[in-house]
Amino acid sequence: MTLIGSYLKSCRELSRFCSRDGWIDSDSLRFTIIMEIGNEIIVDIEFDELLMAGSGNLAGRVTCRGQMHLFTDRFGHVIRAEVL
């Protein structure tokens, strides 16, 4: 797994792309780098939001999409992220 993938699987900014206050299925996370200039990276992100029923069972999935602007250090670790 890449450093960006590892960061995205645990960043809380992804919750801003959720539309129904569900849970992020990090196993469904996919991203594409659309621009990279120096230590700045723009990524397209897609993942499934898990919707839960009142009983705690899975009630459905919704595909969520968005873009983020990532800033990395000289080793490629993400040090800051902004939702676009």
C-alpha atoms as a PDB file:
ATOM      1  CA  MET A   1       0.000   0.000   0.000  1.00  0.00           C
ATOM      2  CA  THR A   2       1.236   3.474  -0.820  1.00  0.00           C
ATOM      3  CA  LEU A   3       1.802   6.208   1.737  1.00  0.00           C
ATOM      4  CA  ILE A   4      -1.151   8.121   0.269  1.00  0.00           C
ATOM      5  CA  GLY A   5      -3.407   5.059   0.474  1.00  0.00           C
ATOM      6  CA  SER A   6      -2.418   4.482   4.095  1.00  0.00           C
ATOM      7  CA  TYR A   7      -3.138   8.096   4.959  1.00  0.00           C
ATOM      8  CA  LEU A   8      -6.524   8.146   3.219  1.00  0.00           C
ATOM      9  CA  LYS A   9      -7.698   4.960   4.950  1.00  0.00           C
ATOM     10  CA  SER A  10      -7.392   6.678   8.314  1.00  0.00           C
ATOM     11  CA  CYS A  11      -8.054  10.380   7.642  1.00  0.00           C
ATOM     12  CA  ARG A  12     -11.200  11.906   9.081  1.00  0.00           C
ATOM     13  CA  GLU A  13     -11.604  14.394   6.224  1.00  0.00           C
ATOM     14  CA  LEU A  14     -13.174  11.600   4.135  1.00  0.00           C
ATOM     15  CA  SER A  15     -16.305  11.812   6.288  1.00  0.00           C
ATOM     16  CA  ARG A  16     -17.101  15.134   4.564  1.00  0.00           C
ATOM     17  CA  PHE A  17     -17.875  13.142   1.403  1.00  0.00           C
ATOM     18  CA  CYS A  18     -20.468  10.979   3.194  1.00  0.00           C
ATOM     19  CA  SER A  19     -24.029  11.905   2.317  1.00  0.00           C
ATOM     20  CA  ARG A  20     -26.050   9.944   4.879  1.00  0.00           C
ATOM     21  CA  ASP A  21     -23.975   9.965   8.062  1.00  0.00           C
ATOM     22  CA  GLY A  22     -22.882   6.357   7.532  1.00  0.00           C
ATOM     23  CA  TRP A  23     -19.580   4.552   8.008  1.00  0.00           C
ATOM     24  CA  ILE A  24     -16.693   4.677   5.548  1.00  0.00           C
ATOM     25  CA  ASP A  25     -15.828   1.270   4.100  1.00  0.00           C
ATOM     26  CA  SER A  26     -12.051   1.729   3.941  1.00  0.00           C
ATOM     27  CA  ASP A  27     -11.703  -1.562   2.029  1.00  0.00           C
ATOM     28  CA  SER A  28     -13.609   0.003  -0.882  1.00  0.00           C
ATOM     29  CA  LEU A  29     -11.407   3.123  -0.987  1.00  0.00           C
ATOM     30  CA  ARG A  30     -10.008   3.938  -4.421  1.00  0.00           C
ATOM     31  CA  PHE A  31      -8.046   7.014  -5.431  1.00  0.00           C
ATOM     32  CA  THR A  32      -6.441   8.414  -8.547  1.00  0.00           C
ATOM     33  CA  ILE A  33      -3.721  11.043  -8.617  1.00  0.00           C
ATOM     34  CA  ILE A  34      -4.865  13.683 -11.085  1.00  0.00           C
ATOM     35  CA  MET A  35      -2.110  16.247 -10.499  1.00  0.00           C
ATOM     36  CA  GLU A  36       1.247  16.209  -8.769  1.00  0.00           C
ATOM     37  CA  ILE A  37       3.516  19.231  -8.524  1.00  0.00           C
ATOM     38  CA  GLY A  38       6.388  19.055  -6.068  1.00  0.00           C
ATOM     39  CA  ASN A  39       4.983  18.223  -2.662  1.00  0.00           C
ATOM     40  CA  GLU A  40       1.349  18.937  -3.624  1.00  0.00           C
ATOM     41  CA  ILE A  41      -0.977  16.238  -4.927  1.00  0.00           C
ATOM     42  CA  ILE A  42      -4.616  16.415  -6.046  1.00  0.00           C
ATOM     43  CA  VAL A  43      -6.473  13.101  -5.815  1.00  0.00           C
ATOM     44  CA  ASP A  44      -9.907  11.887  -6.900  1.00  0.00           C
ATOM     45  CA  ILE A  45     -11.362   9.656  -4.195  1.00  0.00           C
ATOM     46  CA  GLU A  46     -14.189   7.121  -4.272  1.00  0.00           C
ATOM     47  CA  PHE A  47     -15.441   4.809  -1.525  1.00  0.00           C
ATOM     48  CA  ASP A  48     -18.609   3.154  -0.256  1.00  0.00           C
ATOM     49  CA  GLU A  49     -20.526   4.604   2.662  1.00  0.00           C
ATOM     50  CA  LEU A  50     -22.120   1.862   4.759  1.00  0.00           C
ATOM     51  CA  LEU A  51     -25.648   2.603   5.930  1.00  0.00           C
ATOM     52  CA  MET A  52     -26.767   0.882   9.087  1.00  0.00           C
ATOM     53  CA  ALA A  53     -30.289  -0.089  10.119  1.00  0.00           C
ATOM     54  CA  GLY A  54     -31.570   0.643  13.621  1.00  0.00           C
ATOM     55  CA  SER A  55     -30.800  -2.951  14.570  1.00  0.00           C
ATOM     56  CA  GLY A  56     -27.122  -2.455  13.704  1.00  0.00           C
ATOM     57  CA  ASN A  57     -27.317  -4.515  10.515  1.00  0.00           C
ATOM     58  CA  LEU A  58     -26.077  -3.279   7.153  1.00  0.00           C
ATOM     59  CA  ALA A  59     -28.963  -1.560   5.362  1.00  0.00           C
ATOM     60  CA  GLY A  60     -27.147  -0.507   2.194  1.00  0.00           C
ATOM     61  CA  ARG A  61     -24.213   1.152   0.483  1.00  0.00           C
ATOM     62  CA  VAL A  62     -23.843   4.531  -1.183  1.00  0.00           C
ATOM     63  CA  THR A  63     -20.911   5.442  -3.418  1.00  0.00           C
ATOM     64  CA  CYS A  64     -19.201   8.651  -2.312  1.00  0.00           C
ATOM     65  CA  ARG A  65     -16.788  10.738  -4.379  1.00  0.00           C
ATOM     66  CA  GLY A  66     -14.649  13.799  -3.895  1.00  0.00           C
ATOM     67  CA  GLN A  67     -11.273  15.416  -4.323  1.00  0.00           C
ATOM     68  CA  MET A  68      -8.543  16.289  -1.873  1.00  0.00           C
ATOM     69  CA  HIS A  69      -5.437  18.435  -2.028  1.00  0.00           C
ATOM     70  CA  LEU A  70      -2.620  16.654  -0.193  1.00  0.00           C
ATOM     71  CA  PHE A  71       0.655  18.162   0.961  1.00  0.00           C
ATOM     72  CA  THR A  72       3.595  15.830   1.574  1.00  0.00           C
ATOM     73  CA  ASP A  73       6.971  16.071   3.241  1.00  0.00           C
ATOM     74  CA  ARG A  74      10.173  15.227   1.399  1.00  0.00           C
ATOM     75  CA  PHE A  75       9.699  11.529   2.216  1.00  0.00           C
ATOM     76  CA  GLY A  76       6.208  11.341   0.685  1.00  0.00           C
ATOM     77  CA  HIS A  77       4.256  11.296   3.970  1.00  0.00           C
ATOM     78  CA  VAL A  78       1.058  13.343   3.937  1.00  0.00           C
ATOM     79  CA  ILE A  79       1.382  16.214   6.402  1.00  0.00           C
ATOM     80  CA  ARG A  80      -1.790  18.152   5.534  1.00  0.00           C
ATOM     81  CA  ALA A  81      -4.978  17.617   3.570  1.00  0.00           C
ATOM     82  CA  GLU A  82      -7.695  19.922   2.292  1.00  0.00           C
ATOM     83  CA  VAL A  83     -11.069  18.866   0.915  1.00  0.00           C
ATOM     84  CA  LEU A  84     -11.803  20.461  -2.452  1.00  0.00           C
END
